Amino acid sequence: MCSKSFTRSLGFALIPLALCCVIANILLYFPNAESKHVQQDHLSKYVWFFTGIVGGGAVMILPVLVFINLKKCANCCASEGAAMCSSVLAALVGLAGAGYCFIVSDLALIEGPFCLYNGEWQSPFANQSGDYLFLTENWTSCVEPPRVVEWNVSLFSILMGLSGLECIICAVQLANGLVAAVCRPCCYKQHYSLNA
């Protein structure tokens, strides 16, 4: 299959992205490197959606395994077309996981962090449609945890960027798999005959 090595390289490219998504999501649980906020449930509701752990991380295991082992699958499957179809399905699963991570991270950025504001735990920027992102002088109004706005904005932005790259890689493999399936005769220089 002419696209097997390309698909394999896409699989290897997904590994560091998935690991970074998991790490970024785990860091969201420890603003200012403190665990007391997890124990007291003083975190944004979007942190509990496990966007990086599940969407950008665990869901990517399937595309990574299929993309990297496509050559082996093509050798043991009934046909190379079946192997390429499995890579297309894995790319769709990867797109769904990365899309989930991207959308939830975007929603978390729009709502802003959960913090101690005016003596009360709340999401003070929730009704601003993300305008707080450009009004950095208001970020200090979140008293506790210290610098939580920077923490959330940085990590959710990282999750958006990483999951965006995962989406691109999975979309490229989706197109690659469909093109390979449609253009197989010219790609492999095989001649088909209608004679039985």
Protein backbone atom coordinates (compact mmCIF):
# COMPACT_ATOMS: atom_id res chain seq x y z
CA MET A 1 0.00 0.00 0.00
CA CYS A 2 1.59 3.29 -1.07
CA SER A 3 0.24 5.24 1.89
CA LYS A 4 1.12 2.80 4.69
CA SER A 5 4.37 4.51 5.69
CA PHE A 6 2.65 7.92 5.62
CA THR A 7 -0.14 6.58 7.83
CA ARG A 8 2.45 5.10 10.18
CA SER A 9 4.18 8.49 10.52
CA LEU A 10 0.80 10.10 11.33
CA GLY A 11 0.34 7.54 14.10
CA PHE A 12 3.73 8.40 15.59
CA ALA A 13 2.88 12.11 15.38
CA LEU A 14 -0.26 11.53 17.48
CA ILE A 15 1.65 9.99 20.41
CA PRO A 16 3.31 13.15 21.82
CA LEU A 17 0.14 15.16 21.19
CA ALA A 18 -1.97 12.69 23.16
CA LEU A 19 0.54 12.56 26.02
CA CYS A 20 0.68 16.37 26.21
CA CYS A 21 -3.14 16.52 26.28
CA VAL A 22 -3.22 14.15 29.25
CA ILE A 23 -0.52 16.14 31.09
CA ALA A 24 -2.25 19.48 30.43
CA ASN A 25 -5.55 18.10 31.70
CA ILE A 26 -3.96 16.68 34.85
CA LEU A 27 -2.32 20.05 35.55
CA LEU A 28 -5.75 21.71 35.45
CA TYR A 29 -6.61 19.82 38.66
CA PHE A 30 -3.77 21.51 40.54
CA PRO A 31 -3.95 25.28 40.09
CA ASN A 32 -0.92 26.98 41.59
CA ALA A 33 0.47 23.45 42.12
CA GLU A 34 -1.86 22.86 45.09
CA SER A 35 -4.15 19.89 45.61
CA LYS A 36 -6.49 21.56 48.12
CA HIS A 37 -8.69 22.96 45.34
CA VAL A 38 -9.43 19.48 44.02
CA GLN A 39 -10.30 18.25 47.50
CA GLN A 40 -12.61 21.23 48.09
CA ASP A 41 -14.12 21.02 44.58
CA HIS A 42 -13.07 24.56 43.70
CA LEU A 43 -12.42 23.87 40.03
CA SER A 44 -14.17 24.85 36.82
CA LYS A 45 -16.87 22.38 35.83
CA TYR A 46 -15.10 21.88 32.49
CA VAL A 47 -12.04 20.44 34.23
CA TRP A 48 -14.24 17.48 35.23
CA PHE A 49 -15.12 16.73 31.58
CA PHE A 50 -11.71 15.01 31.21
CA THR A 51 -11.17 16.66 27.83
CA GLY A 52 -7.45 16.03 27.60
CA ILE A 53 -7.44 12.72 29.43
CA VAL A 54 -10.27 11.13 27.47
CA GLY A 55 -10.84 13.14 24.28
CA GLY A 56 -7.29 14.16 23.43
CA GLY A 57 -5.58 11.24 25.18
CA ALA A 58 -7.30 7.89 25.67
CA VAL A 59 -9.45 8.07 22.53
CA MET A 60 -6.25 8.62 20.50
CA ILE A 61 -5.00 5.16 21.47
CA LEU A 62 -7.17 3.56 18.77
CA PRO A 63 -5.97 5.76 15.88
CA VAL A 64 -2.36 5.47 17.07
CA LEU A 65 -2.49 1.67 17.19
CA VAL A 66 -4.31 1.34 13.87
CA PHE A 67 -2.12 3.86 12.03
CA ILE A 68 1.16 2.41 13.32
CA ASN A 69 0.16 -1.23 12.72
CA LEU A 70 -1.56 -0.70 9.37
CA LYS A 71 1.13 -2.61 7.48
CA LYS A 72 0.76 -5.63 9.77
CA CYS A 73 -3.01 -5.43 9.47
CA ALA A 74 -2.79 -5.26 5.68
CA ASN A 75 -0.68 -8.44 5.65
CA CYS A 76 -3.06 -10.43 7.87
CA CYS A 77 -6.45 -8.98 6.88
CA ALA A 78 -8.56 -10.30 4.05
CA SER A 79 -7.47 -7.40 1.86
CA GLU A 80 -5.51 -4.17 1.92
CA GLY A 81 -8.80 -2.36 1.32
CA ALA A 82 -10.13 -3.69 4.62
CA ALA A 83 -7.00 -2.43 6.38
CA MET A 84 -7.42 1.01 4.84
CA CYS A 85 -11.09 1.06 5.87
CA SER A 86 -10.01 0.35 9.44
CA SER A 87 -7.67 3.34 9.30
CA VAL A 88 -10.52 5.52 8.00
CA LEU A 89 -12.76 4.38 10.89
CA ALA A 90 -9.94 4.98 13.38
CA ALA A 91 -9.44 8.46 11.92
CA LEU A 92 -13.15 9.17 12.46
CA VAL A 93 -12.85 8.03 16.09
CA GLY A 94 -9.79 10.26 16.49
CA LEU A 95 -11.65 13.20 14.97
CA ALA A 96 -14.49 12.69 17.44
CA GLY A 97 -12.14 12.56 20.45
CA ALA A 98 -10.04 15.53 19.37
CA GLY A 99 -13.18 17.47 18.44
CA TYR A 100 -14.61 16.83 21.90
CA CYS A 101 -11.41 18.11 23.51
CA PHE A 102 -11.35 21.18 21.27
CA ILE A 103 -15.00 22.14 21.84
CA VAL A 104 -14.98 21.64 25.61
CA SER A 105 -11.71 23.56 25.94
CA ASP A 106 -13.24 26.39 23.94
CA LEU A 107 -16.31 26.41 26.20
CA ALA A 108 -14.04 26.45 29.27
CA LEU A 109 -12.16 29.46 27.90
CA ILE A 110 -15.41 31.30 27.23
CA GLU A 111 -16.74 30.67 30.75
CA GLY A 112 -13.50 31.34 32.60
CA PRO A 113 -12.23 29.83 35.83
CA PHE A 114 -14.02 29.02 39.04
CA CYS A 115 -12.47 31.15 41.79
CA LEU A 116 -12.96 33.13 44.98
CA TYR A 117 -14.45 36.42 43.84
CA ASN A 118 -15.95 39.02 46.19
CA GLY A 119 -15.80 36.51 49.03
CA GLU A 120 -17.75 33.85 47.13
CA TRP A 121 -16.70 30.85 45.00
CA GLN A 122 -18.08 31.40 41.49
CA SER A 123 -17.25 31.81 37.81
CA PRO A 124 -17.11 35.62 37.62
CA PHE A 125 -16.47 35.80 33.88
CA ALA A 126 -19.22 33.38 32.84
CA ASN A 127 -21.54 36.01 31.34
CA GLN A 128 -18.87 37.91 29.42
CA SER A 129 -18.70 35.63 26.34
CA GLY A 130 -14.94 35.36 26.70
CA ASP A 131 -14.31 39.11 26.75
CA TYR A 132 -12.30 38.69 29.96
CA LEU A 133 -9.54 37.12 27.86
CA PHE A 134 -8.67 40.57 26.52
CA LEU A 135 -9.16 42.43 29.82
CA THR A 136 -6.16 41.10 31.70
CA GLU A 137 -6.42 43.81 34.34
CA ASN A 138 -9.59 42.05 35.62
CA TRP A 139 -7.79 38.76 36.12
CA THR A 140 -6.59 39.74 39.59
CA SER A 141 -10.19 39.90 40.82
CA CYS A 142 -9.95 36.14 41.29
CA VAL A 143 -8.35 36.01 44.72
CA GLU A 144 -8.09 32.27 45.24
CA PRO A 145 -6.40 30.20 43.80
CA PRO A 146 -3.70 32.73 42.97
CA ARG A 147 -3.19 33.30 39.22
CA VAL A 148 -5.94 30.79 38.37
CA VAL A 149 -7.04 32.79 35.33
CA GLU A 150 -3.59 32.53 33.75
CA TRP A 151 -3.46 28.85 34.71
CA ASN A 152 -6.79 27.99 33.08
CA VAL A 153 -6.28 30.19 30.01
CA SER A 154 -2.83 28.71 29.37
CA LEU A 155 -3.79 25.07 29.82
CA PHE A 156 -7.13 25.18 28.02
CA SER A 157 -5.45 27.05 25.15
CA ILE A 158 -2.78 24.36 25.02
CA LEU A 159 -5.52 21.70 24.95
CA MET A 160 -7.25 23.54 22.10
CA GLY A 161 -4.02 23.76 20.11
CA LEU A 162 -3.05 20.13 20.67
CA SER A 163 -6.52 18.81 19.89
CA GLY A 164 -6.64 21.04 16.80
CA LEU A 165 -3.43 19.37 15.58
CA GLU A 166 -4.92 15.95 16.35
CA CYS A 167 -7.99 16.89 14.31
CA ILE A 168 -5.79 17.90 11.38
CA ILE A 169 -3.79 14.66 11.53
CA CYS A 170 -6.92 12.51 11.70
CA ALA A 171 -8.54 14.50 8.87
CA VAL A 172 -5.42 14.03 6.74
CA GLN A 173 -5.56 10.27 7.37
CA LEU A 174 -9.26 10.23 6.60
CA ALA A 175 -8.56 11.85 3.23
CA ASN A 176 -5.50 9.65 2.69
CA GLY A 177 -7.48 6.49 3.39
CA LEU A 178 -10.37 7.48 1.13
CA VAL A 179 -8.05 8.50 -1.70
CA ALA A 180 -6.06 5.27 -1.34
CA ALA A 181 -9.25 3.23 -1.47
CA VAL A 182 -10.54 5.06 -4.55
CA CYS A 183 -7.21 5.25 -6.39
CA ARG A 184 -5.91 1.79 -5.55
CA PRO A 185 -5.48 0.60 -9.15
CA CYS A 186 -3.30 3.54 -10.18
CA CYS A 187 -1.50 3.65 -6.85
CA TYR A 188 -0.46 0.00 -6.90
CA LYS A 189 -0.20 -0.33 -10.67
CA GLN A 190 -2.55 -3.27 -10.58
CA HIS A 191 -4.59 -4.25 -13.58
CA TYR A 192 -8.11 -5.45 -13.08
CA SER A 193 -10.01 -7.47 -15.53
CA LEU A 194 -13.72 -8.09 -15.81
CA ASN A 195 -13.03 -11.53 -17.20
CA ALA A 196 -13.46 -14.28 -14.65
